[in-house]
């Protein structure tokens, strides 16, 4: 029996917590953590309409404040439309 699971460690956590964790455990830069959760993930799942901010893409954007390694989400846009504001 194959016991390998096809999921990220801690994938049940909100994405915000995952970014905080990877920065804390690996001491990687914020830019690297964001790339892991956006561009790299979209490539893995072949979601060609998202993952970065290029013309013609969905424009899913999260604006946040970073204090230490803690993120506070300020605004969220889906397909360029504001859907959340703190």
Protein backbone atom coordinates (compact mmCIF):
# COMPACT_ATOMS: atom_id res chain seq x y z
CA UNK A 1 0.00 0.00 0.00
CA UNK A 2 1.33 3.44 -0.94
CA UNK A 3 1.20 5.69 2.12
CA UNK A 4 2.43 8.79 0.28
CA UNK A 5 -0.06 11.63 0.52
CA UNK A 6 -0.38 14.13 -2.30
CA UNK A 7 -0.83 17.22 -0.14
CA UNK A 8 1.28 19.91 1.46
CA UNK A 9 2.31 19.51 5.06
CA UNK A 10 -0.03 21.73 7.02
CA UNK A 11 -2.34 22.17 4.02
CA UNK A 12 -5.33 22.27 6.36
CA UNK A 13 -4.05 25.60 7.72
CA UNK A 14 -5.17 28.86 6.12
CA UNK A 15 -2.71 30.08 3.49
CA UNK A 16 -1.75 33.02 5.73
CA UNK A 17 -0.58 30.59 8.42
CA UNK A 18 1.31 28.51 5.85
CA UNK A 19 3.28 31.56 4.69
CA UNK A 20 4.06 32.49 8.29
CA UNK A 21 5.18 28.93 9.05
CA UNK A 22 7.45 28.54 6.04
CA UNK A 23 9.11 31.88 6.81
CA UNK A 24 9.60 30.88 10.47
CA UNK A 25 10.89 27.36 9.81
CA UNK A 26 13.09 28.06 6.79
CA UNK A 27 13.96 31.74 7.31
CA UNK A 28 13.13 32.30 3.63
CA UNK A 29 12.24 35.72 2.30
CA UNK A 30 8.62 36.86 2.01
CA UNK A 31 9.02 36.97 -1.78
CA UNK A 32 10.02 33.28 -1.81
CA UNK A 33 7.12 32.27 0.45
CA UNK A 34 4.63 34.15 -1.72
CA UNK A 35 6.07 32.56 -4.89
CA UNK A 36 5.63 29.10 -3.33
CA UNK A 37 1.97 29.79 -2.61
CA UNK A 38 1.06 31.54 -5.84
CA UNK A 39 3.22 31.09 -8.92
CA UNK A 40 4.57 27.63 -8.09
CA UNK A 41 1.20 26.28 -6.93
CA UNK A 42 -0.57 27.55 -10.05
CA UNK A 43 2.06 25.86 -12.27
CA UNK A 44 1.70 22.53 -10.43
CA UNK A 45 -2.08 22.55 -10.89
CA UNK A 46 -1.90 23.99 -14.44
CA UNK A 47 -3.97 27.05 -13.46
CA UNK A 48 -2.63 29.21 -16.26
CA UNK A 49 -5.03 32.09 -15.58
CA UNK A 50 -3.49 32.94 -12.18
CA UNK A 51 -0.27 32.82 -10.16
CA UNK A 52 1.18 36.20 -11.08
CA UNK A 53 0.08 39.67 -12.11
CA UNK A 54 0.33 39.55 -15.89
CA UNK A 55 -2.10 41.06 -18.38
CA UNK A 56 -5.02 38.72 -18.98
CA UNK A 57 -4.68 36.87 -15.68
CA UNK A 58 -7.42 36.76 -13.00
CA UNK A 59 -5.99 39.49 -10.74
CA UNK A 60 -6.53 37.57 -7.49
CA UNK A 61 -4.65 39.80 -5.05
CA UNK A 62 -4.21 39.86 -1.28
CA UNK A 63 -2.91 43.07 0.28
CA UNK A 64 -1.45 42.59 3.74
CA UNK A 65 0.74 44.08 6.41
CA UNK A 66 3.78 42.12 7.56
CA UNK A 67 5.03 42.63 11.12
CA UNK A 68 7.81 40.26 12.01
CA UNK A 69 6.62 37.06 10.36
CA UNK A 70 2.93 37.73 11.06
CA UNK A 71 0.59 38.65 8.22
CA UNK A 72 -2.49 40.79 8.68
CA UNK A 73 -4.76 40.65 5.65
CA UNK A 74 -6.04 44.12 4.76
CA UNK A 75 -7.85 43.57 1.43
CA UNK A 76 -8.64 40.69 -0.92
CA UNK A 77 -9.48 41.01 -4.60
CA UNK A 78 -10.86 38.16 -6.75
CA UNK A 79 -10.82 38.68 -10.50
CA UNK A 80 -9.93 42.31 -9.76
CA UNK A 81 -12.99 42.96 -7.58
CA UNK A 82 -12.72 43.84 -3.88
CA UNK A 83 -14.30 40.99 -1.86
CA UNK A 84 -12.82 41.64 1.59
CA UNK A 85 -11.61 44.68 3.50
CA UNK A 86 -10.48 44.62 7.13
